[in-house]
Amino acid sequence: MTAFYMGVDLGSTTAKTVIVDRHGSILASDVVQMGAVSRAGLSRSMAGALTAAGLDESAITATIATGYGRRMVPGVGRTFTEITCHARGVAALCPGTRLVVDIGGQDSKAIVIDDEGFVENFSMNDRCASGTGRFFEVLARAIECEIAELADLALAGDKDLEVSSMCATFAETEIISLLARGERREDIAASVHRAVSARTLGLVSHVGKHTPVVMTGGVARNAAAVHFLEDALGTPVTVPEMPQISGAYGAALIARDGAETSAHSPHETIGEFPQPGSAPACVTCTSAHGSADGHITHEWSTIPIHPL
């Protein structure tokens, strides 16, 4: 029987949806940029993925949600933390990964994972916007450029300026002061990226440096951010083809694993999770995967999947 599974990652600034088949292959994905956690963005992302896969909502066997707004996702019986889902997704996208650096719109994470995508350790900064997508938006506004131009500007900089503040509010004032001093935008952009990578290195130090390293999240699309992180870590950093969907992909795989396990274990209830070694291998990895931790919720939402 044909089965399809959906993973939804509703973050602070983007909504991501991934649909996989019973083999774990990605059938469709959709990323919607939002100003903040948004019901409309969530609906567009889910509807977009369903349309791209050529499926109706009723064809989805199970859905797992993750991210800041995970309890807002309709039709979900279980939710998992971003830590678990990013680990699971990256283990499938990039087998052999040991360290995941995820930098999103308003938080950053360093996650150590094992061969099977289980979380061994993690450190997370969700108290301020330092070094996140929001922080880079502040930089772009201060030096009057588009966010897409930041990477090229930063890579063209050759002067290391002191950028002491990692607070998004105070950093903007500091950047304006550097501009008033006559410093080039390229050097300012490069220096801010360098400071962010140093801050990320501090996050990694809490869990220990491990290789290979994979970077995910919206900031991973910034080539300069990846370049300066490689310099700070002293090791190559791999970026998946679609770095923003790793959490949603992991959620979809967990949904698939749970359904497959339940099908072979008739006494299992919805409140139980796949046990280590019980989940079938994913399409891109020869190891079996399971969940490292999770949170169960039985809250259903009335948010429509199709946009209003």
C-alpha atoms as a PDB file:
ATOM      1  CA  MET A   1       0.000   0.000   0.000  1.00  0.00           C
ATOM      2  CA  THR A   2       1.306   3.446  -0.904  1.00  0.00           C
ATOM      3  CA  ALA A   3       2.084   5.641   2.102  1.00  0.00           C
ATOM      4  CA  PHE A   4       3.303   9.216   2.365  1.00  0.00           C
ATOM      5  CA  TYR A   5       4.665  11.083   5.372  1.00  0.00           C
ATOM      6  CA  MET A   6       4.935  14.786   6.096  1.00  0.00           C
ATOM      7  CA  GLY A   7       7.395  16.714   8.211  1.00  0.00           C
ATOM      8  CA  VAL A   8       6.759  20.361   9.072  1.00  0.00           C
ATOM      9  CA  ASP A   9       9.319  22.705  10.618  1.00  0.00           C
ATOM     10  CA  LEU A  10       7.659  25.962  11.634  1.00  0.00           C
ATOM     11  CA  GLY A  11      10.497  28.227  12.657  1.00  0.00           C
ATOM     12  CA  SER A  12      10.742  31.851  13.708  1.00  0.00           C
ATOM     13  CA  THR A  13      11.084  33.226  10.179  1.00  0.00           C
ATOM     14  CA  THR A  14      10.382  30.347   7.766  1.00  0.00           C
ATOM     15  CA  ALA A  15       7.929  27.490   7.361  1.00  0.00           C
ATOM     16  CA  LYS A  16       9.347  24.314   5.839  1.00  0.00           C
ATOM     17  CA  THR A  17       7.450  21.227   4.713  1.00  0.00           C
ATOM     18  CA  VAL A  18       8.825  17.944   3.350  1.00  0.00           C
ATOM     19  CA  ILE A  19       6.898  14.936   2.055  1.00  0.00           C
ATOM     20  CA  VAL A  20       8.580  11.526   1.769  1.00  0.00           C
ATOM     21  CA  ASP A  21       7.454   8.101   0.590  1.00  0.00           C
ATOM     22  CA  ARG A  22       7.749   4.866   2.554  1.00  0.00           C
ATOM     23  CA  HIS A  23      11.380   4.511   1.411  1.00  0.00           C
ATOM     24  CA  GLY A  24      12.320   7.904   2.852  1.00  0.00           C
ATOM     25  CA  SER A  25      12.796   9.522  -0.554  1.00  0.00           C
ATOM     26  CA  ILE A  26      11.870  13.204  -0.730  1.00  0.00           C
ATOM     27  CA  LEU A  27       8.886  13.668  -3.042  1.00  0.00           C
ATOM     28  CA  ALA A  28       8.439  17.395  -2.485  1.00  0.00           C
ATOM     29  CA  SER A  29       9.487  20.258  -0.245  1.00  0.00           C
ATOM     30  CA  ASP A  30       8.437  23.856   0.191  1.00  0.00           C
ATOM     31  CA  VAL A  31      10.037  26.765   2.073  1.00  0.00           C
ATOM     32  CA  VAL A  32       8.058  29.919   2.808  1.00  0.00           C
ATOM     33  CA  GLN A  33       9.749  33.044   4.160  1.00  0.00           C
ATOM     34  CA  MET A  34       7.789  34.813   6.879  1.00  0.00           C
ATOM     35  CA  GLY A  35       8.210  37.926   8.992  1.00  0.00           C
ATOM     36  CA  ALA A  36       7.577  35.863  12.138  1.00  0.00           C
ATOM     37  CA  VAL A  37       5.859  32.615  13.151  1.00  0.00           C
ATOM     38  CA  SER A  38       2.920  32.778  10.764  1.00  0.00           C
ATOM     39  CA  ARG A  39      -0.256  30.764  10.288  1.00  0.00           C
ATOM     40  CA  ALA A  40      -0.500  31.965   6.693  1.00  0.00           C
ATOM     41  CA  GLY A  41       3.121  30.979   5.997  1.00  0.00           C
ATOM     42  CA  LEU A  42       2.503  27.558   7.524  1.00  0.00           C
ATOM     43  CA  SER A  43      -0.558  27.017   5.331  1.00  0.00           C
ATOM     44  CA  ARG A  44       1.301  28.072   2.169  1.00  0.00           C
ATOM     45  CA  SER A  45       4.235  25.790   2.897  1.00  0.00           C
ATOM     46  CA  MET A  46       2.089  22.716   3.552  1.00  0.00           C
ATOM     47  CA  ALA A  47      -0.159  23.389   0.565  1.00  0.00           C
ATOM     48  CA  GLY A  48       2.865  24.030  -1.650  1.00  0.00           C
ATOM     49  CA  ALA A  49       4.471  20.716  -0.748  1.00  0.00           C
ATOM     50  CA  LEU A  50       1.224  18.818  -1.300  1.00  0.00           C
ATOM     51  CA  THR A  51       0.758  20.457  -4.700  1.00  0.00           C
ATOM     52  CA  ALA A  52       4.356  19.739  -5.722  1.00  0.00           C
ATOM     53  CA  ALA A  53       3.925  16.091  -4.723  1.00  0.00           C
ATOM     54  CA  GLY A  54       0.591  15.868  -6.526  1.00  0.00           C
ATOM     55  CA  LEU A  55      -1.136  14.707  -3.356  1.00  0.00           C
ATOM     56  CA  ASP A  56      -4.218  15.593  -1.393  1.00  0.00           C
ATOM     57  CA  GLU A  57      -4.100  16.116   2.355  1.00  0.00           C
ATOM     58  CA  SER A  58      -5.963  12.827   2.875  1.00  0.00           C
ATOM     59  CA  ALA A  59      -3.081  10.901   1.269  1.00  0.00           C
ATOM     60  CA  ILE A  60      -0.716  11.726   4.142  1.00  0.00           C
ATOM     61  CA  THR A  61      -0.366   8.751   6.495  1.00  0.00           C
ATOM     62  CA  ALA A  62       1.312  10.612   9.368  1.00  0.00           C
ATOM     63  CA  THR A  63       2.698  14.066  10.103  1.00  0.00           C
ATOM     64  CA  ILE A  64       5.363  15.133  12.593  1.00  0.00           C
ATOM     65  CA  ALA A  65       5.965  18.785  13.463  1.00  0.00           C
ATOM     66  CA  THR A  66       8.997  20.568  14.876  1.00  0.00           C
ATOM     67  CA  GLY A  67      10.233  24.128  15.361  1.00  0.00           C
ATOM     68  CA  TYR A  68       9.026  27.102  17.392  1.00  0.00           C
ATOM     69  CA  GLY A  69       5.477  26.814  16.128  1.00  0.00           C
ATOM     70  CA  ARG A  70       5.185  23.026  16.098  1.00  0.00           C
ATOM     71  CA  ARG A  71       1.996  23.025  18.165  1.00  0.00           C
ATOM     72  CA  MET A  72       0.314  25.204  15.529  1.00  0.00           C
ATOM     73  CA  VAL A  73       0.574  22.539  12.819  1.00  0.00           C
ATOM     74  CA  PRO A  74      -2.779  20.875  11.968  1.00  0.00           C
ATOM     75  CA  GLY A  75      -3.342  17.126  12.013  1.00  0.00           C
ATOM     76  CA  VAL A  76      -0.354  16.363  14.237  1.00  0.00           C
ATOM     77  CA  GLY A  77      -0.482  13.928  17.144  1.00  0.00           C
ATOM     78  CA  ARG A  78       3.202  14.174  18.039  1.00  0.00           C
ATOM     79  CA  THR A  79       5.889  16.838  17.963  1.00  0.00           C
ATOM     80  CA  PHE A  80       9.646  16.574  18.302  1.00  0.00           C
ATOM     81  CA  THR A  81      12.341  19.102  19.199  1.00  0.00           C
ATOM     82  CA  GLU A  82      14.373  20.804  16.490  1.00  0.00           C
ATOM     83  CA  ILE A  83      17.475  19.130  17.924  1.00  0.00           C
ATOM     84  CA  THR A  84      16.103  15.637  17.273  1.00  0.00           C
ATOM     85  CA  CYS A  85      14.744  16.446  13.819  1.00  0.00           C
ATOM     86  CA  HIS A  86      17.846  18.248  12.545  1.00  0.00           C
ATOM     87  CA  ALA A  87      20.023  15.366  13.715  1.00  0.00           C
ATOM     88  CA  ARG A  88      17.784  12.820  12.007  1.00  0.00           C
ATOM     89  CA  GLY A  89      17.551  14.807   8.797  1.00  0.00           C
ATOM     90  CA  VAL A  90      21.266  15.552   8.500  1.00  0.00           C
ATOM     91  CA  ALA A  91      22.198  11.929   9.227  1.00  0.00           C
ATOM     92  CA  ALA A  92      20.095  10.947   6.205  1.00  0.00           C
ATOM     93  CA  LEU A  93      21.180  13.821   3.945  1.00  0.00           C
ATOM     94  CA  CYS A  94      24.888  13.581   4.800  1.00  0.00           C
ATOM     95  CA  PRO A  95      25.714  10.133   6.228  1.00  0.00           C
ATOM     96  CA  GLY A  96      28.704  10.087   8.563  1.00  0.00           C
ATOM     97  CA  THR A  97      28.180  13.605   9.905  1.00  0.00           C
ATOM     98  CA  ARG A  98      29.327  14.097  13.498  1.00  0.00           C
ATOM     99  CA  LEU A  99      28.671  17.795  14.117  1.00  0.00           C
ATOM    100  CA  VAL A 100      25.704  19.826  12.903  1.00  0.00           C
ATOM    101  CA  VAL A 101      25.847  23.621  13.094  1.00  0.00           C
ATOM    102  CA  ASP A 102      22.363  24.965  12.501  1.00  0.00           C
ATOM    103  CA  ILE A 103      21.877  28.733  12.289  1.00  0.00           C
ATOM    104  CA  GLY A 104      18.327  29.870  11.716  1.00  0.00           C
ATOM    105  CA  GLY A 105      16.393  33.088  11.902  1.00  0.00           C
ATOM    106  CA  GLN A 106      16.629  33.619  15.643  1.00  0.00           C
ATOM    107  CA  ASP A 107      18.683  30.820  17.174  1.00  0.00           C
ATOM    108  CA  SER A 108      21.772  28.721  16.584  1.00  0.00           C
ATOM    109  CA  LYS A 109      22.631  25.164  17.589  1.00  0.00           C
ATOM    110  CA  ALA A 110      25.639  22.864  17.723  1.00  0.00           C
ATOM    111  CA  ILE A 111      24.568  19.202  17.712  1.00  0.00           C
ATOM    112  CA  VAL A 112      26.811  16.148  18.041  1.00  0.00           C
ATOM    113  CA  ILE A 113      25.281  13.039  16.456  1.00  0.00           C
ATOM    114  CA  ASP A 114      26.239   9.401  16.043  1.00  0.00           C
ATOM    115  CA  ASP A 115      26.083   7.055  13.047  1.00  0.00           C
ATOM    116  CA  GLU A 116      22.347   6.506  13.408  1.00  0.00           C
ATOM    117  CA  GLY A 117      21.317  10.133  13.812  1.00  0.00           C
ATOM    118  CA  PHE A 118      20.953   9.971  17.581  1.00  0.00           C
ATOM    119  CA  VAL A 119      21.855  13.120  19.519  1.00  0.00           C
ATOM    120  CA  GLU A 120      24.878  12.671  21.764  1.00  0.00           C
ATOM    121  CA  ASN A 121      25.178  16.278  22.927  1.00  0.00           C
ATOM    122  CA  PHE A 122      24.011  19.740  21.943  1.00  0.00           C
ATOM    123  CA  SER A 123      24.301  23.412  22.792  1.00  0.00           C
ATOM    124  CA  MET A 124      21.780  26.040  21.787  1.00  0.00           C
ATOM    125  CA  ASN A 125      21.608  29.823  21.781  1.00  0.00           C
ATOM    126  CA  ASP A 126      18.013  30.995  21.713  1.00  0.00           C
ATOM    127  CA  ARG A 127      18.321  33.887  24.162  1.00  0.00           C
ATOM    128  CA  CYS A 128      19.364  36.545  21.660  1.00  0.00           C
ATOM    129  CA  ALA A 129      19.673  37.060  17.900  1.00  0.00           C
ATOM    130  CA  SER A 130      23.476  37.234  17.849  1.00  0.00           C
ATOM    131  CA  GLY A 131      24.879  35.451  14.836  1.00  0.00           C
ATOM    132  CA  THR A 132      21.487  34.429  13.464  1.00  0.00           C
ATOM    133  CA  GLY A 133      19.582  35.388  10.333  1.00  0.00           C
ATOM    134  CA  ARG A 134      18.092  38.380  12.149  1.00  0.00           C
ATOM    135  CA  PHE A 135      21.584  39.562  13.020  1.00  0.00           C
ATOM    136  CA  PHE A 136      22.632  39.511   9.360  1.00  0.00           C
ATOM    137  CA  GLU A 137      19.483  41.428   8.459  1.00  0.00           C
ATOM    138  CA  VAL A 138      20.619  44.143  10.883  1.00  0.00           C
ATOM    139  CA  LEU A 139      24.028  44.189   9.180  1.00  0.00           C
ATOM    140  CA  ALA A 140      22.477  44.490   5.714  1.00  0.00           C
ATOM    141  CA  ARG A 141      20.251  47.345   6.841  1.00  0.00           C
ATOM    142  CA  ALA A 142      23.144  49.195   8.473  1.00  0.00           C
ATOM    143  CA  ILE A 143      25.426  49.042   5.427  1.00  0.00           C
ATOM    144  CA  GLU A 144      22.485  49.604   3.062  1.00  0.00           C
ATOM    145  CA  CYS A 145      22.607  46.489   0.945  1.00  0.00           C
ATOM    146  CA  GLU A 146      20.312  43.611   0.108  1.00  0.00           C
ATOM    147  CA  ILE A 147      20.669  40.497   2.259  1.00  0.00           C
ATOM    148  CA  ALA A 148      21.653  38.553  -0.873  1.00  0.00           C
ATOM    149  CA  GLU A 149      24.617  40.902  -1.414  1.00  0.00           C
ATOM    150  CA  LEU A 150      26.170  40.300   2.007  1.00  0.00           C
ATOM    151  CA  ALA A 151      28.208  37.239   1.086  1.00  0.00           C
ATOM    152  CA  ASP A 152      29.946  38.875  -1.890  1.00  0.00           C
ATOM    153  CA  LEU A 153      30.691  42.005   0.138  1.00  0.00           C
ATOM    154  CA  ALA A 154      32.113  40.014   3.050  1.00  0.00           C
ATOM    155  CA  LEU A 155      34.277  37.825   0.822  1.00  0.00           C
ATOM    156  CA  ALA A 156      35.725  40.967  -0.778  1.00  0.00           C
ATOM    157  CA  GLY A 157      36.794  42.446   2.563  1.00  0.00           C
ATOM    158  CA  ASP A 158      40.447  42.236   3.558  1.00  0.00           C
ATOM    159  CA  LYS A 159      40.611  44.292   6.746  1.00  0.00           C
ATOM    160  CA  ASP A 160      39.909  42.861  10.198  1.00  0.00           C
ATOM    161  CA  LEU A 161      37.980  45.482  12.136  1.00  0.00           C
ATOM    162  CA  GLU A 162      37.019  45.147  15.772  1.00  0.00           C
ATOM    163  CA  VAL A 163      33.358  44.345  16.196  1.00  0.00           C
ATOM    164  CA  SER A 164      32.919  43.857  19.918  1.00  0.00           C
ATOM    165  CA  SER A 165      29.141  43.757  20.283  1.00  0.00           C
ATOM    166  CA  MET A 166      27.179  40.669  19.322  1.00  0.00           C
ATOM    167  CA  CYS A 167      23.882  42.208  20.414  1.00  0.00           C
ATOM    168  CA  ALA A 168      21.839  42.960  17.298  1.00  0.00           C
ATOM    169  CA  THR A 169      20.771  46.338  18.685  1.00  0.00           C
ATOM    170  CA  PHE A 170      24.194  47.559  19.808  1.00  0.00           C
ATOM    171  CA  ALA A 171      25.984  46.025  16.810  1.00  0.00           C
ATOM    172  CA  GLU A 172      24.001  48.261  14.450  1.00  0.00           C
ATOM    173  CA  THR A 173      25.239  51.325  16.322  1.00  0.00           C
ATOM    174  CA  GLU A 174      28.795  50.008  16.168  1.00  0.00           C
ATOM    175  CA  ILE A 175      28.522  49.356  12.426  1.00  0.00           C
ATOM    176  CA  ILE A 176      27.204  52.868  11.837  1.00  0.00           C
ATOM    177  CA  SER A 177      30.181  54.219  13.785  1.00  0.00           C
ATOM    178  CA  LEU A 178      32.577  52.257  11.563  1.00  0.00           C
ATOM    179  CA  LEU A 179      30.882  53.666   8.460  1.00  0.00           C
ATOM    180  CA  ALA A 180      31.174  57.184   9.866  1.00  0.00           C
ATOM    181  CA  ARG A 181      34.874  56.516  10.411  1.00  0.00           C
ATOM    182  CA  GLY A 182      35.221  55.837   6.695  1.00  0.00           C
ATOM    183  CA  GLU A 183      35.624  52.079   6.784  1.00  0.00           C
ATOM    184  CA  ARG A 184      34.610  50.187   3.665  1.00  0.00           C
ATOM    185  CA  ARG A 185      31.363  48.221   3.624  1.00  0.00           C
ATOM    186  CA  GLU A 186      33.291  45.143   2.442  1.00  0.00           C
ATOM    187  CA  ASP A 187      35.606  45.250   5.466  1.00  0.00           C
ATOM    188  CA  ILE A 188      32.721  45.818   7.855  1.00  0.00           C
ATOM    189  CA  ALA A 189      30.779  42.900   6.391  1.00  0.00           C
ATOM    190  CA  ALA A 190      33.824  40.628   6.561  1.00  0.00           C
ATOM    191  CA  SER A 191      34.551  41.634  10.160  1.00  0.00           C
ATOM    192  CA  VAL A 192      30.985  41.004  11.284  1.00  0.00           C
ATOM    193  CA  HIS A 193      30.987  37.576   9.606  1.00  0.00           C
ATOM    194  CA  ARG A 194      34.319  36.816  11.312  1.00  0.00           C
ATOM    195  CA  ALA A 195      32.882  37.840  14.687  1.00  0.00           C
ATOM    196  CA  VAL A 196      29.835  35.647  14.132  1.00  0.00           C
ATOM    197  CA  SER A 197      32.021  32.642  13.317  1.00  0.00           C
ATOM    198  CA  ALA A 198      33.989  33.231  16.526  1.00  0.00           C
ATOM    199  CA  ARG A 199      30.723  33.305  18.468  1.00  0.00           C
ATOM    200  CA  THR A 200      29.644  30.058  16.783  1.00  0.00           C
ATOM    201  CA  LEU A 201      32.995  28.488  17.675  1.00  0.00           C
ATOM    202  CA  GLY A 202      32.194  29.287  21.291  1.00  0.00           C
ATOM    203  CA  LEU A 203      28.900  27.403  20.932  1.00  0.00           C
ATOM    204  CA  VAL A 204      30.734  24.423  19.436  1.00  0.00           C
ATOM    205  CA  SER A 205      33.223  24.443  22.312  1.00  0.00           C
ATOM    206  CA  HIS A 206      30.414  23.452  24.673  1.00  0.00           C
ATOM    207  CA  VAL A 207      29.887  20.145  22.851  1.00  0.00           C
ATOM    208  CA  GLY A 208      33.382  19.572  21.500  1.00  0.00           C
ATOM    209  CA  LYS A 209      34.710  19.827  17.972  1.00  0.00           C
ATOM    210  CA  HIS A 210      33.841  16.802  15.856  1.00  0.00           C
ATOM    211  CA  THR A 211      34.213  16.104  12.146  1.00  0.00           C
ATOM    212  CA  PRO A 212      32.750  15.869   9.542  1.00  0.00           C
ATOM    213  CA  VAL A 213      30.809  19.110  10.011  1.00  0.00           C
ATOM    214  CA  VAL A 214      27.543  20.005   8.269  1.00  0.00           C
ATOM    215  CA  MET A 215      25.949  23.452   8.375  1.00  0.00           C
ATOM    216  CA  THR A 216      22.191  23.842   8.037  1.00  0.00           C
ATOM    217  CA  GLY A 217      19.601  26.599   8.372  1.00  0.00           C
ATOM    218  CA  GLY A 218      18.975  29.717   6.331  1.00  0.00           C
ATOM    219  CA  VAL A 219      22.374  31.231   7.147  1.00  0.00           C
ATOM    220  CA  ALA A 220      24.043  28.209   5.508  1.00  0.00           C
ATOM    221  CA  ARG A 221      23.015  29.731   2.163  1.00  0.00           C
ATOM    222  CA  ASN A 222      25.420  32.605   2.919  1.00  0.00           C
ATOM    223  CA  ALA A 223      28.746  31.545   1.362  1.00  0.00           C
ATOM    224  CA  ALA A 224      30.682  34.016   3.507  1.00  0.00           C
ATOM    225  CA  ALA A 225      29.189  32.630   6.719  1.00  0.00           C
ATOM    226  CA  VAL A 226      30.292  29.145   5.672  1.00  0.00           C
ATOM    227  CA  HIS A 227      33.762  30.382   4.665  1.00  0.00           C
ATOM    228  CA  PHE A 228      34.453  32.150   7.957  1.00  0.00           C
ATOM    229  CA  LEU A 229      33.069  29.219   9.968  1.00  0.00           C
ATOM    230  CA  GLU A 230      35.502  26.921   8.156  1.00  0.00           C
ATOM    231  CA  ASP A 231      38.319  29.295   9.113  1.00  0.00           C
ATOM    232  CA  ALA A 232      37.229  29.360  12.745  1.00  0.00           C
ATOM    233  CA  LEU A 233      36.845  25.570  13.001  1.00  0.00           C
ATOM    234  CA  GLY A 234      39.913  24.825  10.885  1.00  0.00           C
ATOM    235  CA  THR A 235      38.027  22.156   8.954  1.00  0.00           C
ATOM    236  CA  PRO A 236      35.797  21.923   5.854  1.00  0.00           C
ATOM    237  CA  VAL A 237      32.087  22.537   6.360  1.00  0.00           C
ATOM    238  CA  THR A 238      29.557  20.769   4.145  1.00  0.00           C
ATOM    239  CA  VAL A 239      26.263  22.428   3.215  1.00  0.00           C
ATOM    240  CA  PRO A 240      23.395  20.239   1.938  1.00  0.00           C
ATOM    241  CA  GLU A 241      21.763  21.225  -1.340  1.00  0.00           C
ATOM    242  CA  MET A 242      18.711  22.472   0.581  1.00  0.00           C
ATOM    243  CA  PRO A 243      20.055  23.405   4.039  1.00  0.00           C
ATOM    244  CA  GLN A 244      16.763  24.828   5.312  1.00  0.00           C
ATOM    245  CA  ILE A 245      14.747  21.606   5.056  1.00  0.00           C
ATOM    246  CA  SER A 246      16.869  19.279   7.209  1.00  0.00           C
ATOM    247  CA  GLY A 247      14.590  19.668  10.242  1.00  0.00           C
ATOM    248  CA  ALA A 248      11.404  19.093   8.235  1.00  0.00           C
ATOM    249  CA  TYR A 249      13.039  16.145   6.471  1.00  0.00           C
ATOM    250  CA  GLY A 250      14.018  14.643   9.807  1.00  0.00           C
ATOM    251  CA  ALA A 251      10.458  15.102  11.051  1.00  0.00           C
ATOM    252  CA  ALA A 252       9.086  13.340   7.956  1.00  0.00           C
ATOM    253  CA  LEU A 253      11.498  10.437   8.477  1.00  0.00           C
ATOM    254  CA  ILE A 254      10.480  10.143  12.130  1.00  0.00           C
ATOM    255  CA  ALA A 255       6.836  10.038  11.004  1.00  0.00           C
ATOM    256  CA  ARG A 256       7.748   7.285   8.549  1.00  0.00           C
ATOM    257  CA  ASP A 257       9.749   5.368  11.167  1.00  0.00           C
ATOM    258  CA  GLY A 258       6.911   5.527  13.680  1.00  0.00           C
ATOM    259  CA  ALA A 259       4.316   4.322  11.188  1.00  0.00           C
ATOM    260  CA  GLU A 260       6.530   1.483   9.943  1.00  0.00           C
ATOM    261  CA  THR A 261       7.329   0.396  13.503  1.00  0.00           C
ATOM    262  CA  SER A 262       3.666   0.503  14.510  1.00  0.00           C
ATOM    263  CA  ALA A 263       2.749  -1.598  11.483  1.00  0.00           C
ATOM    264  CA  HIS A 264       5.096  -4.333  12.722  1.00  0.00           C
ATOM    265  CA  SER A 265       4.180  -3.891  16.396  1.00  0.00           C
ATOM    266  CA  PRO A 266       0.385  -4.115  16.797  1.00  0.00           C
ATOM    267  CA  HIS A 267       0.552  -3.456  20.556  1.00  0.00           C
ATOM    268  CA  GLU A 268       2.391  -0.157  20.190  1.00  0.00           C
ATOM    269  CA  THR A 269       0.423   3.014  20.961  1.00  0.00           C
ATOM    270  CA  ILE A 270       0.680   6.493  19.529  1.00  0.00           C
ATOM    271  CA  GLY A 271       2.521   7.652  22.658  1.00  0.00           C
ATOM    272  CA  GLU A 272       5.488   5.370  22.039  1.00  0.00           C
ATOM    273  CA  PHE A 273       8.454   6.151  19.844  1.00  0.00           C
ATOM    274  CA  PRO A 274      10.545   3.891  17.594  1.00  0.00           C
ATOM    275  CA  GLN A 275      13.238   2.133  19.593  1.00  0.00           C
ATOM    276  CA  PRO A 276      16.909   2.158  18.523  1.00  0.00           C
ATOM    277  CA  GLY A 277      17.470  -0.303  15.742  1.00  0.00           C
ATOM    278  CA  SER A 278      13.772  -0.837  15.041  1.00  0.00           C
ATOM    279  CA  ALA A 279      13.426   1.748  12.286  1.00  0.00           C
ATOM    280  CA  PRO A 280      14.098   0.767   8.670  1.00  0.00           C
ATOM    281  CA  ALA A 281      17.135   2.238   6.943  1.00  0.00           C
ATOM    282  CA  CYS A 282      16.563   5.467   5.038  1.00  0.00           C
ATOM    283  CA  VAL A 283      17.132   5.724   1.336  1.00  0.00           C
ATOM    284  CA  THR A 284      20.426   7.643   1.601  1.00  0.00           C
ATOM    285  CA  CYS A 285      22.022   5.803   4.516  1.00  0.00           C
ATOM    286  CA  THR A 286      22.723   2.152   5.260  1.00  0.00           C
ATOM    287  CA  SER A 287      22.194   2.568   9.020  1.00  0.00           C
ATOM    288  CA  ALA A 288      18.853   2.422  10.803  1.00  0.00           C
ATOM    289  CA  HIS A 289      17.662   5.609  12.420  1.00  0.00           C
ATOM    290  CA  GLY A 290      15.497   6.479  15.352  1.00  0.00           C
ATOM    291  CA  SER A 291      14.648   9.475  17.480  1.00  0.00           C
ATOM    292  CA  ALA A 292      16.907  10.782  20.210  1.00  0.00           C
ATOM    293  CA  ASP A 293      14.331  12.617  22.244  1.00  0.00           C
ATOM    294  CA  GLY A 294      10.848  13.924  21.741  1.00  0.00           C
ATOM    295  CA  HIS A 295       7.813  15.578  23.156  1.00  0.00           C
ATOM    296  CA  ILE A 296       4.292  14.256  22.759  1.00  0.00           C
ATOM    297  CA  THR A 297       1.372  16.565  22.373  1.00  0.00           C
ATOM    298  CA  HIS A 298      -2.255  15.797  21.621  1.00  0.00           C
ATOM    299  CA  GLU A 299      -3.187  19.313  20.626  1.00  0.00           C
ATOM    300  CA  TRP A 300      -4.850  19.643  17.235  1.00  0.00           C
ATOM    301  CA  SER A 301      -5.206  22.956  15.457  1.00  0.00           C
ATOM    302  CA  THR A 302      -7.932  24.247  13.192  1.00  0.00           C
ATOM    303  CA  ILE A 303      -5.479  26.024  10.887  1.00  0.00           C
ATOM    304  CA  PRO A 304      -6.405  25.197   7.289  1.00  0.00           C
ATOM    305  CA  ILE A 305      -3.691  23.647   5.149  1.00  0.00           C
ATOM    306  CA  HIS A 306      -4.782  25.508   2.075  1.00  0.00           C
ATOM    307  CA  PRO A 307      -4.029  29.252   2.092  1.00  0.00           C
ATOM    308  CA  LEU A 308      -6.843  31.627   2.865  1.00  0.00           C
END
